């Protein structure tokens, strides 16, 4: 059976466009790698990272921040507030022993 060719009526083909958010997600992935590279630069130059290593770092960072914000929220609730403040983060880190 012969293949159908694209209809020639209509003329100009529309340019390809990604759906809203696709380019933004790709850009965020690019920024993750850049952030890791910038931080690693302080320790040793010319380091290379596997993509899995960057994902593992992101996972660890997210887990740490979620825990910190949970503790921060408890500090705010203890102070009879519903809004977290920088002093809540400082207190949570101090109690955890991360910062004197």
PDB file of N, CA and C in Angstrom:
ATOM      1  N   UNK A   1       0.847  -1.185   0.000  1.00  0.00           N
ATOM      2  CA  UNK A   1       0.000   0.000   0.000  1.00  0.00           C
ATOM      3  C   UNK A   1       0.883   1.235   0.000  1.00  0.00           C
ATOM      4  N   UNK A   2       0.464   2.201  -0.763  1.00  0.00           N
ATOM      5  CA  UNK A   2       1.240   3.439  -0.871  1.00  0.00           C
ATOM      6  C   UNK A   2       1.037   4.289   0.375  1.00  0.00           C
ATOM      7  N   UNK A   3       2.103   4.941   0.782  1.00  0.00           N
ATOM      8  CA  UNK A   3       2.009   5.813   1.957  1.00  0.00           C
ATOM      9  C   UNK A   3       1.322   7.105   1.583  1.00  0.00           C
ATOM     10  N   UNK A   4       0.576   7.624   2.552  1.00  0.00           N
ATOM     11  CA  UNK A   4      -0.053   8.920   2.318  1.00  0.00           C
ATOM     12  C   UNK A   4       0.993   9.999   2.529  1.00  0.00           C
ATOM     13  N   UNK A   5       1.048  10.937   1.638  1.00  0.00           N
ATOM     14  CA  UNK A   5       1.963  12.063   1.845  1.00  0.00           C
ATOM     15  C   UNK A   5       1.182  13.168   2.541  1.00  0.00           C
ATOM     16  N   UNK A   6       1.920  14.060   3.177  1.00  0.00           N
ATOM     17  CA  UNK A   6       1.276  15.164   3.889  1.00  0.00           C
ATOM     18  C   UNK A   6       0.485  15.995   2.891  1.00  0.00           C
ATOM     19  N   UNK A   7      -0.699  16.434   3.289  1.00  0.00           N
ATOM     20  CA  UNK A   7      -1.500  17.235   2.354  1.00  0.00           C
ATOM     21  C   UNK A   7      -0.755  18.514   1.976  1.00  0.00           C
ATOM     22  N   UNK A   8      -0.743  18.778   0.689  1.00  0.00           N
ATOM     23  CA  UNK A   8      -0.004  19.948   0.225  1.00  0.00           C
ATOM     24  C   UNK A   8      -0.833  21.213   0.336  1.00  0.00           C
ATOM     25  N   UNK A   9      -2.123  21.071   0.541  1.00  0.00           N
ATOM     26  CA  UNK A   9      -2.944  22.267   0.687  1.00  0.00           C
ATOM     27  C   UNK A   9      -2.687  22.878   2.057  1.00  0.00           C
ATOM     28  N   UNK A  10      -2.756  24.139   2.160  1.00  0.00           N
ATOM     29  CA  UNK A  10      -2.485  24.820   3.423  1.00  0.00           C
ATOM     30  C   UNK A  10      -1.126  25.482   3.374  1.00  0.00           C
ATOM     31  N   UNK A  11      -0.174  24.844   2.711  1.00  0.00           N
ATOM     32  CA  UNK A  11       1.107  25.508   2.492  1.00  0.00           C
ATOM     33  C   UNK A  11       2.106  25.392   3.621  1.00  0.00           C
ATOM     34  N   UNK A  12       2.206  26.418   4.460  1.00  0.00           N
ATOM     35  CA  UNK A  12       3.313  26.536   5.412  1.00  0.00           C
ATOM     36  C   UNK A  12       3.071  25.673   6.647  1.00  0.00           C
ATOM     37  N   UNK A  13       4.096  24.907   7.025  1.00  0.00           N
ATOM     38  CA  UNK A  13       4.012  24.078   8.225  1.00  0.00           C
ATOM     39  C   UNK A  13       4.310  24.946   9.440  1.00  0.00           C
ATOM     40  N   UNK A  14       3.550  24.716  10.535  1.00  0.00           N
ATOM     41  CA  UNK A  14       3.778  25.501  11.751  1.00  0.00           C
ATOM     42  C   UNK A  14       5.105  25.102  12.386  1.00  0.00           C
ATOM     43  N   UNK A  15       5.821  26.044  12.959  1.00  0.00           N
ATOM     44  CA  UNK A  15       7.074  25.696  13.635  1.00  0.00           C
ATOM     45  C   UNK A  15       6.794  24.874  14.892  1.00  0.00           C
ATOM     46  N   UNK A  16       7.736  24.006  15.234  1.00  0.00           N
ATOM     47  CA  UNK A  16       7.569  23.149  16.411  1.00  0.00           C
ATOM     48  C   UNK A  16       7.598  23.980  17.683  1.00  0.00           C
ATOM     49  N   UNK A  17       6.663  23.694  18.594  1.00  0.00           N
ATOM     50  CA  UNK A  17       6.652  24.383  19.889  1.00  0.00           C
ATOM     51  C   UNK A  17       6.492  23.355  20.995  1.00  0.00           C
ATOM     52  N   UNK A  18       7.290  23.520  22.054  1.00  0.00           N
ATOM     53  CA  UNK A  18       7.112  22.662  23.224  1.00  0.00           C
ATOM     54  C   UNK A  18       5.917  23.152  24.013  1.00  0.00           C
ATOM     55  N   UNK A  19       5.308  22.242  24.759  1.00  0.00           N
ATOM     56  CA  UNK A  19       4.167  22.619  25.595  1.00  0.00           C
ATOM     57  C   UNK A  19       4.652  23.500  26.737  1.00  0.00           C
ATOM     58  N   UNK A  20       3.760  24.320  27.284  1.00  0.00           N
ATOM     59  CA  UNK A  20       4.174  25.196  28.385  1.00  0.00           C
ATOM     60  C   UNK A  20       4.747  24.392  29.547  1.00  0.00           C
ATOM     61  N   UNK A  21       5.905  24.819  30.015  1.00  0.00           N
ATOM     62  CA  UNK A  21       6.540  24.170  31.154  1.00  0.00           C
ATOM     63  C   UNK A  21       7.664  23.221  30.780  1.00  0.00           C
ATOM     64  N   UNK A  22       7.673  22.706  29.557  1.00  0.00           N
ATOM     65  CA  UNK A  22       8.696  21.740  29.156  1.00  0.00           C
ATOM     66  C   UNK A  22      10.077  22.376  29.152  1.00  0.00           C
ATOM     67  N   UNK A  23      10.181  23.545  28.559  1.00  0.00           N
ATOM     68  CA  UNK A  23      11.468  24.240  28.492  1.00  0.00           C
ATOM     69  C   UNK A  23      11.905  24.648  29.893  1.00  0.00           C
ATOM     70  N   UNK A  24      10.949  25.056  30.719  1.00  0.00           N
ATOM     71  CA  UNK A  24      11.273  25.454  32.092  1.00  0.00           C
ATOM     72  C   UNK A  24      11.848  24.275  32.869  1.00  0.00           C
ATOM     73  N   UNK A  25      11.269  23.087  32.717  1.00  0.00           N
ATOM     74  CA  UNK A  25      11.776  21.905  33.414  1.00  0.00           C
ATOM     75  C   UNK A  25      13.191  21.560  32.957  1.00  0.00           C
ATOM     76  N   UNK A  26      13.442  21.702  31.662  1.00  0.00           N
ATOM     77  CA  UNK A  26      14.782  21.432  31.147  1.00  0.00           C
ATOM     78  C   UNK A  26      15.780  22.433  31.713  1.00  0.00           C
ATOM     79  N   UNK A  27      15.339  23.681  31.841  1.00  0.00           N
ATOM     80  CA  UNK A  27      16.198  24.735  32.374  1.00  0.00           C
ATOM     81  C   UNK A  27      16.514  24.474  33.845  1.00  0.00           C
ATOM     82  N   UNK A  28      15.529  23.994  34.616  1.00  0.00           N
ATOM     83  CA  UNK A  28      15.752  23.672  36.031  1.00  0.00           C
ATOM     84  C   UNK A  28      16.785  22.555  36.147  1.00  0.00           C
ATOM     85  N   UNK A  29      16.690  21.545  35.285  1.00  0.00           N
ATOM     86  CA  UNK A  29      17.670  20.454  35.300  1.00  0.00           C
ATOM     87  C   UNK A  29      19.064  21.003  35.028  1.00  0.00           C
ATOM     88  N   UNK A  30      19.149  21.946  34.098  1.00  0.00           N
ATOM     89  CA  UNK A  30      20.433  22.583  33.777  1.00  0.00           C
ATOM     90  C   UNK A  30      20.970  23.334  34.989  1.00  0.00           C
ATOM     91  N   UNK A  31      20.094  24.027  35.712  1.00  0.00           N
ATOM     92  CA  UNK A  31      20.521  24.794  36.885  1.00  0.00           C
ATOM     93  C   UNK A  31      21.019  23.883  38.003  1.00  0.00           C
ATOM     94  N   UNK A  32      20.419  22.699  38.152  1.00  0.00           N
ATOM     95  CA  UNK A  32      20.872  21.746  39.177  1.00  0.00           C
ATOM     96  C   UNK A  32      22.334  21.400  38.953  1.00  0.00           C
ATOM     97  N   UNK A  33      22.668  21.062  37.705  1.00  0.00           N
ATOM     98  CA  UNK A  33      24.042  20.703  37.389  1.00  0.00           C
ATOM     99  C   UNK A  33      24.973  21.886  37.639  1.00  0.00           C
ATOM    100  N   UNK A  34      24.521  23.076  37.283  1.00  0.00           N
ATOM    101  CA  UNK A  34      25.361  24.256  37.455  1.00  0.00           C
ATOM    102  C   UNK A  34      25.618  24.545  38.927  1.00  0.00           C
ATOM    103  N   UNK A  35      24.584  24.385  39.765  1.00  0.00           N
ATOM    104  CA  UNK A  35      24.742  24.619  41.202  1.00  0.00           C
ATOM    105  C   UNK A  35      25.749  23.639  41.793  1.00  0.00           C
ATOM    106  N   UNK A  36      25.630  22.364  41.440  1.00  0.00           N
ATOM    107  CA  UNK A  36      26.566  21.352  41.940  1.00  0.00           C
ATOM    108  C   UNK A  36      27.984  21.699  41.499  1.00  0.00           C
ATOM    109  N   UNK A  37      28.137  22.110  40.235  1.00  0.00           N
ATOM    110  CA  UNK A  37      29.457  22.457  39.712  1.00  0.00           C
ATOM    111  C   UNK A  37      30.054  23.646  40.463  1.00  0.00           C
ATOM    112  N   UNK A  38      29.227  24.672  40.727  1.00  0.00           N
ATOM    113  CA  UNK A  38      29.713  25.864  41.432  1.00  0.00           C
ATOM    114  C   UNK A  38      30.159  25.531  42.847  1.00  0.00           C
ATOM    115  N   UNK A  39      29.380  24.709  43.555  1.00  0.00           N
ATOM    116  CA  UNK A  39      29.737  24.352  44.931  1.00  0.00           C
ATOM    117  C   UNK A  39      30.993  23.483  44.942  1.00  0.00           C
ATOM    118  N   UNK A  40      31.081  22.524  44.013  1.00  0.00           N
ATOM    119  CA  UNK A  40      32.237  21.625  43.961  1.00  0.00           C
ATOM    120  C   UNK A  40      33.513  22.383  43.609  1.00  0.00           C
ATOM    121  N   UNK A  41      33.381  23.483  42.880  1.00  0.00           N
ATOM    122  CA  UNK A  41      34.527  24.288  42.464  1.00  0.00           C
ATOM    123  C   UNK A  41      35.304  24.808  43.682  1.00  0.00           C
ATOM    124  N   UNK A  42      34.594  25.053  44.796  1.00  0.00           N
ATOM    125  CA  UNK A  42      35.248  25.549  46.008  1.00  0.00           C
ATOM    126  C   UNK A  42      36.193  24.506  46.598  1.00  0.00           C
ATOM    127  N   UNK A  43      35.939  23.226  46.337  1.00  0.00           N
ATOM    128  CA  UNK A  43      36.745  22.159  46.928  1.00  0.00           C
ATOM    129  C   UNK A  43      37.844  21.681  45.985  1.00  0.00           C
ATOM    130  N   UNK A  44      37.502  21.481  44.720  1.00  0.00           N
ATOM    131  CA  UNK A  44      38.485  21.014  43.755  1.00  0.00           C
ATOM    132  C   UNK A  44      38.012  21.412  42.363  1.00  0.00           C
ATOM    133  N   UNK A  45      38.936  21.902  41.557  1.00  0.00           N
ATOM    134  CA  UNK A  45      38.563  22.309  40.199  1.00  0.00           C
ATOM    135  C   UNK A  45      38.560  21.090  39.277  1.00  0.00           C
ATOM    136  N   UNK A  46      37.926  21.238  38.147  1.00  0.00           N
ATOM    137  CA  UNK A  46      37.864  20.205  37.101  1.00  0.00           C
ATOM    138  C   UNK A  46      37.267  18.886  37.584  1.00  0.00           C
ATOM    139  N   UNK A  47      36.214  18.963  38.379  1.00  0.00           N
ATOM    140  CA  UNK A  47      35.501  17.751  38.778  1.00  0.00           C
ATOM    141  C   UNK A  47      34.395  17.481  37.777  1.00  0.00           C
ATOM    142  N   UNK A  48      34.120  16.211  37.554  1.00  0.00           N
ATOM    143  CA  UNK A  48      33.018  15.825  36.669  1.00  0.00           C
ATOM    144  C   UNK A  48      32.034  14.997  37.477  1.00  0.00           C
ATOM    145  N   UNK A  49      30.750  15.104  37.134  1.00  0.00           N
ATOM    146  CA  UNK A  49      29.708  14.401  37.875  1.00  0.00           C
ATOM    147  C   UNK A  49      28.859  13.574  36.932  1.00  0.00           C
ATOM    148  N   UNK A  50      28.563  12.341  37.354  1.00  0.00           N
ATOM    149  CA  UNK A  50      27.582  11.549  36.622  1.00  0.00           C
ATOM    150  C   UNK A  50      26.205  12.131  36.921  1.00  0.00           C
ATOM    151  N   UNK A  51      25.277  11.956  35.997  1.00  0.00           N
ATOM    152  CA  UNK A  51      23.935  12.498  36.217  1.00  0.00           C
ATOM    153  C   UNK A  51      23.282  11.846  37.435  1.00  0.00           C
ATOM    154  N   UNK A  52      23.597  10.560  37.691  1.00  0.00           N
ATOM    155  CA  UNK A  52      23.044   9.881  38.868  1.00  0.00           C
ATOM    156  C   UNK A  52      23.576  10.500  40.156  1.00  0.00           C
ATOM    157  N   UNK A  53      24.820  10.952  40.119  1.00  0.00           N
ATOM    158  CA  UNK A  53      25.405  11.577  41.311  1.00  0.00           C
ATOM    159  C   UNK A  53      24.684  12.884  41.629  1.00  0.00           C
ATOM    160  N   UNK A  54      24.364  13.647  40.592  1.00  0.00           N
ATOM    161  CA  UNK A  54      23.648  14.911  40.802  1.00  0.00           C
ATOM    162  C   UNK A  54      22.253  14.631  41.349  1.00  0.00           C
ATOM    163  N   UNK A  55      21.595  13.595  40.836  1.00  0.00           N
ATOM    164  CA  UNK A  55      20.268  13.236  41.342  1.00  0.00           C
ATOM    165  C   UNK A  55      20.340  12.792  42.798  1.00  0.00           C
ATOM    166  N   UNK A  56      21.397  12.053  43.163  1.00  0.00           N
ATOM    167  CA  UNK A  56      21.560  11.619  44.553  1.00  0.00           C
ATOM    168  C   UNK A  56      21.775  12.825  45.463  1.00  0.00           C
ATOM    169  N   UNK A  57      22.567  13.790  44.999  1.00  0.00           N
ATOM    170  CA  UNK A  57      22.779  15.012  45.780  1.00  0.00           C
ATOM    171  C   UNK A  57      21.476  15.776  45.960  1.00  0.00           C
ATOM    172  N   UNK A  58      20.673  15.849  44.908  1.00  0.00           N
ATOM    173  CA  UNK A  58      19.391  16.548  44.999  1.00  0.00           C
ATOM    174  C   UNK A  58      18.476  15.849  45.996  1.00  0.00           C
ATOM    175  N   UNK A  59      18.448  14.531  45.941  1.00  0.00           N
ATOM    176  CA  UNK A  59      17.598  13.756  46.849  1.00  0.00           C
ATOM    177  C   UNK A  59      18.001  13.999  48.300  1.00  0.00           C
ATOM    178  N   UNK A  60      19.311  13.980  48.557  1.00  0.00           N
ATOM    179  CA  UNK A  60      19.811  14.195  49.918  1.00  0.00           C
ATOM    180  C   UNK A  60      19.505  15.614  50.394  1.00  0.00           C
ATOM    181  N   UNK A  61      19.687  16.589  49.502  1.00  0.00           N
ATOM    182  CA  UNK A  61      19.426  17.984  49.873  1.00  0.00           C
ATOM    183  C   UNK A  61      17.948  18.192  50.182  1.00  0.00           C
ATOM    184  N   UNK A  62      17.078  17.594  49.369  1.00  0.00           N
ATOM    185  CA  UNK A  62      15.638  17.735  49.607  1.00  0.00           C
ATOM    186  C   UNK A  62      15.240  17.091  50.931  1.00  0.00           C
ATOM    187  N   UNK A  63      15.805  15.915  51.222  1.00  0.00           N
ATOM    188  CA  UNK A  63      15.482  15.231  52.476  1.00  0.00           C
ATOM    189  C   UNK A  63      15.927  16.072  53.672  1.00  0.00           C
ATOM    190  N   UNK A  64      17.113  16.658  53.568  1.00  0.00           N
ATOM    191  CA  UNK A  64      17.620  17.504  54.651  1.00  0.00           C
ATOM    192  C   UNK A  64      16.714  18.718  54.859  1.00  0.00           C
ATOM    193  N   UNK A  65      16.356  19.387  53.760  1.00  0.00           N
ATOM    194  CA  UNK A  65      15.542  20.601  53.866  1.00  0.00           C
ATOM    195  C   UNK A  65      14.139  20.301  54.381  1.00  0.00           C
ATOM    196  N   UNK A  66      13.559  19.190  53.948  1.00  0.00           N
ATOM    197  CA  UNK A  66      12.221  18.830  54.441  1.00  0.00           C
ATOM    198  C   UNK A  66      12.264  18.626  55.949  1.00  0.00           C
ATOM    199  N   UNK A  67      13.270  17.900  56.430  1.00  0.00           N
ATOM    200  CA  UNK A  67      13.418  17.688  57.872  1.00  0.00           C
ATOM    201  C   UNK A  67      13.628  18.986  58.622  1.00  0.00           C
ATOM    202  N   UNK A  68      14.461  19.856  58.055  1.00  0.00           N
ATOM    203  CA  UNK A  68      14.726  21.148  58.698  1.00  0.00           C
ATOM    204  C   UNK A  68      13.450  21.984  58.773  1.00  0.00           C
ATOM    205  N   UNK A  69      12.669  21.994  57.701  1.00  0.00           N
ATOM    206  CA  UNK A  69      11.430  22.773  57.712  1.00  0.00           C
ATOM    207  C   UNK A  69      10.386  22.164  58.649  1.00  0.00           C
ATOM    208  N   UNK A  70      10.392  20.850  58.807  1.00  0.00           N
ATOM    209  CA  UNK A  70       9.485  20.236  59.789  1.00  0.00           C
ATOM    210  C   UNK A  70       9.843  20.715  61.192  1.00  0.00           C
ATOM    211  N   UNK A  71      11.142  20.694  61.522  1.00  0.00           N
ATOM    212  CA  UNK A  71      11.586  21.164  62.836  1.00  0.00           C
ATOM    213  C   UNK A  71      11.321  22.660  63.005  1.00  0.00           C
ATOM    214  N   UNK A  72      11.530  23.414  61.920  1.00  0.00           N
ATOM    215  CA  UNK A  72      11.281  24.856  61.949  1.00  0.00           C
ATOM    216  C   UNK A  72       9.813  25.138  62.227  1.00  0.00           C
ATOM    217  N   UNK A  73       8.934  24.364  61.599  1.00  0.00           N
ATOM    218  CA  UNK A  73       7.500  24.538  61.813  1.00  0.00           C
ATOM    219  C   UNK A  73       7.126  24.243  63.262  1.00  0.00           C
ATOM    220  N   UNK A  74       7.742  23.213  63.840  1.00  0.00           N
ATOM    221  CA  UNK A  74       7.487  22.905  65.251  1.00  0.00           C
ATOM    222  C   UNK A  74       7.928  24.058  66.151  1.00  0.00           C
ATOM    223  N   UNK A  75       9.045  24.696  65.816  1.00  0.00           N
ATOM    224  CA  UNK A  75       9.514  25.852  66.598  1.00  0.00           C
ATOM    225  C   UNK A  75       8.505  26.996  66.515  1.00  0.00           C
ATOM    226  N   UNK A  76       7.961  27.229  65.328  1.00  0.00           N
ATOM    227  CA  UNK A  76       6.975  28.298  65.158  1.00  0.00           C
ATOM    228  C   UNK A  76       5.703  27.974  65.934  1.00  0.00           C
ATOM    229  N   UNK A  77       5.255  26.728  65.872  1.00  0.00           N
ATOM    230  CA  UNK A  77       4.050  26.324  66.600  1.00  0.00           C
ATOM    231  C   UNK A  77       4.268  26.470  68.101  1.00  0.00           C
ATOM    232  N   UNK A  78       5.462  26.116  68.571  1.00  0.00           N
ATOM    233  CA  UNK A  78       5.775  26.247  69.995  1.00  0.00           C
ATOM    234  C   UNK A  78       5.679  27.707  70.442  1.00  0.00           C
ATOM    235  N   UNK A  79       6.028  28.625  69.535  1.00  0.00           N
ATOM    236  CA  UNK A  79       5.953  30.056  69.843  1.00  0.00           C
ATOM    237  C   UNK A  79       4.548  30.604  69.576  1.00  0.00           C
ATOM    238  N   UNK A  80       3.574  29.702  69.386  1.00  0.00           N
ATOM    239  CA  UNK A  80       2.176  30.068  69.127  1.00  0.00           C
ATOM    240  C   UNK A  80       2.027  30.901  67.843  1.00  0.00           C
ATOM    241  N   UNK A  81       2.783  30.508  66.819  1.00  0.00           N
ATOM    242  CA  UNK A  81       2.692  31.160  65.516  1.00  0.00           C
ATOM    243  C   UNK A  81       2.440  30.097  64.458  1.00  0.00           C
ATOM    244  N   UNK A  82       1.887  30.524  63.330  1.00  0.00           N
ATOM    245  CA  UNK A  82       1.708  29.596  62.213  1.00  0.00           C
ATOM    246  C   UNK A  82       2.684  29.912  61.083  1.00  0.00           C
ATOM    247  N   UNK A  83       3.337  31.061  61.172  1.00  0.00           N
ATOM    248  CA  UNK A  83       4.278  31.484  60.143  1.00  0.00           C
ATOM    249  C   UNK A  83       5.704  31.234  60.628  1.00  0.00           C
ATOM    250  N   UNK A  84       6.505  30.556  59.799  1.00  0.00           N
ATOM    251  CA  UNK A  84       7.896  30.341  60.199  1.00  0.00           C
ATOM    252  C   UNK A  84       8.694  31.618  59.952  1.00  0.00           C
ATOM    253  N   UNK A  85       9.720  31.811  60.767  1.00  0.00           N
ATOM    254  CA  UNK A  85      10.576  32.992  60.672  1.00  0.00           C
ATOM    255  C   UNK A  85      12.027  32.526  60.696  1.00  0.00           C
ATOM    256  N   UNK A  86      12.945  33.390  60.272  1.00  0.00           N
ATOM    257  CA  UNK A  86      14.365  33.002  60.297  1.00  0.00           C
ATOM    258  C   UNK A  86      14.832  32.523  61.671  1.00  0.00           C
ATOM    259  N   UNK A  87      14.297  33.129  62.726  1.00  0.00           N
ATOM    260  CA  UNK A  87      14.726  32.705  64.067  1.00  0.00           C
ATOM    261  C   UNK A  87      14.297  31.272  64.367  1.00  0.00           C
ATOM    262  N   UNK A  88      13.215  30.798  63.730  1.00  0.00           N
ATOM    263  CA  UNK A  88      12.799  29.405  63.910  1.00  0.00           C
ATOM    264  C   UNK A  88      13.810  28.455  63.262  1.00  0.00           C
ATOM    265  N   UNK A  89      14.290  28.825  62.076  1.00  0.00           N
ATOM    266  CA  UNK A  89      15.303  28.005  61.404  1.00  0.00           C
ATOM    267  C   UNK A  89      16.580  27.984  62.236  1.00  0.00           C
ATOM    268  N   UNK A  90      16.968  29.155  62.750  1.00  0.00           N
ATOM    269  CA  UNK A  90      18.181  29.226  63.568  1.00  0.00           C
ATOM    270  C   UNK A  90      18.047  28.354  64.811  1.00  0.00           C
ATOM    271  N   UNK A  91      16.885  28.395  65.461  1.00  0.00           N
ATOM    272  CA  UNK A  91      16.664  27.581  66.657  1.00  0.00           C
ATOM    273  C   UNK A  91      16.696  26.089  66.317  1.00  0.00           C
ATOM    274  N   UNK A  92      16.039  25.717  65.228  1.00  0.00           N
ATOM    275  CA  UNK A  92      16.015  24.306  64.825  1.00  0.00           C
ATOM    276  C   UNK A  92      17.434  23.804  64.554  1.00  0.00           C
ATOM    277  N   UNK A  93      18.232  24.598  63.854  1.00  0.00           N
ATOM    278  CA  UNK A  93      19.614  24.199  63.569  1.00  0.00           C
ATOM    279  C   UNK A  93      20.442  24.142  64.843  1.00  0.00           C
ATOM    280  N   UNK A  94      20.192  25.049  65.759  1.00  0.00           N
ATOM    281  CA  UNK A  94      20.943  25.065  67.021  1.00  0.00           C
ATOM    282  C   UNK A  94      20.621  23.819  67.843  1.00  0.00           C
ATOM    283  N   UNK A  95      19.338  23.465  67.914  1.00  0.00           N
ATOM    284  CA  UNK A  95      18.930  22.280  68.665  1.00  0.00           C
ATOM    285  C   UNK A  95      19.509  21.017  68.024  1.00  0.00           C
ATOM    286  N   UNK A  96      19.539  20.977  66.700  1.00  0.00           N
ATOM    287  CA  UNK A  96      20.097  19.822  65.998  1.00  0.00           C
ATOM    288  C   UNK A  96      21.614  19.713  66.192  1.00  0.00           C
ATOM    289  N   UNK A  97      22.248  20.795  66.638  1.00  0.00           N
ATOM    290  CA  UNK A  97      23.696  20.788  66.823  1.00  0.00           C
ATOM    291  C   UNK A  97      24.459  21.096  65.554  1.00  0.00           C
ATOM    292  N   UNK A  98      23.773  21.696  64.575  1.00  0.00           N
ATOM    293  CA  UNK A  98      24.431  22.025  63.311  1.00  0.00           C
ATOM    294  C   UNK A  98      25.167  23.350  63.394  1.00  0.00           C
ATOM    295  N   UNK A  99      24.718  24.202  64.306  1.00  0.00           N
ATOM    296  CA  UNK A  99      25.308  25.531  64.384  1.00  0.00           C
ATOM    297  C   UNK A  99      25.246  25.980  65.831  1.00  0.00           C
ATOM    298  N   UNK A 100      26.373  26.442  66.361  1.00  0.00           N
ATOM    299  CA  UNK A 100      26.395  26.870  67.768  1.00  0.00           C
ATOM    300  C   UNK A 100      25.809  28.259  67.934  1.00  0.00           C
TER     301      UNK A 100
END
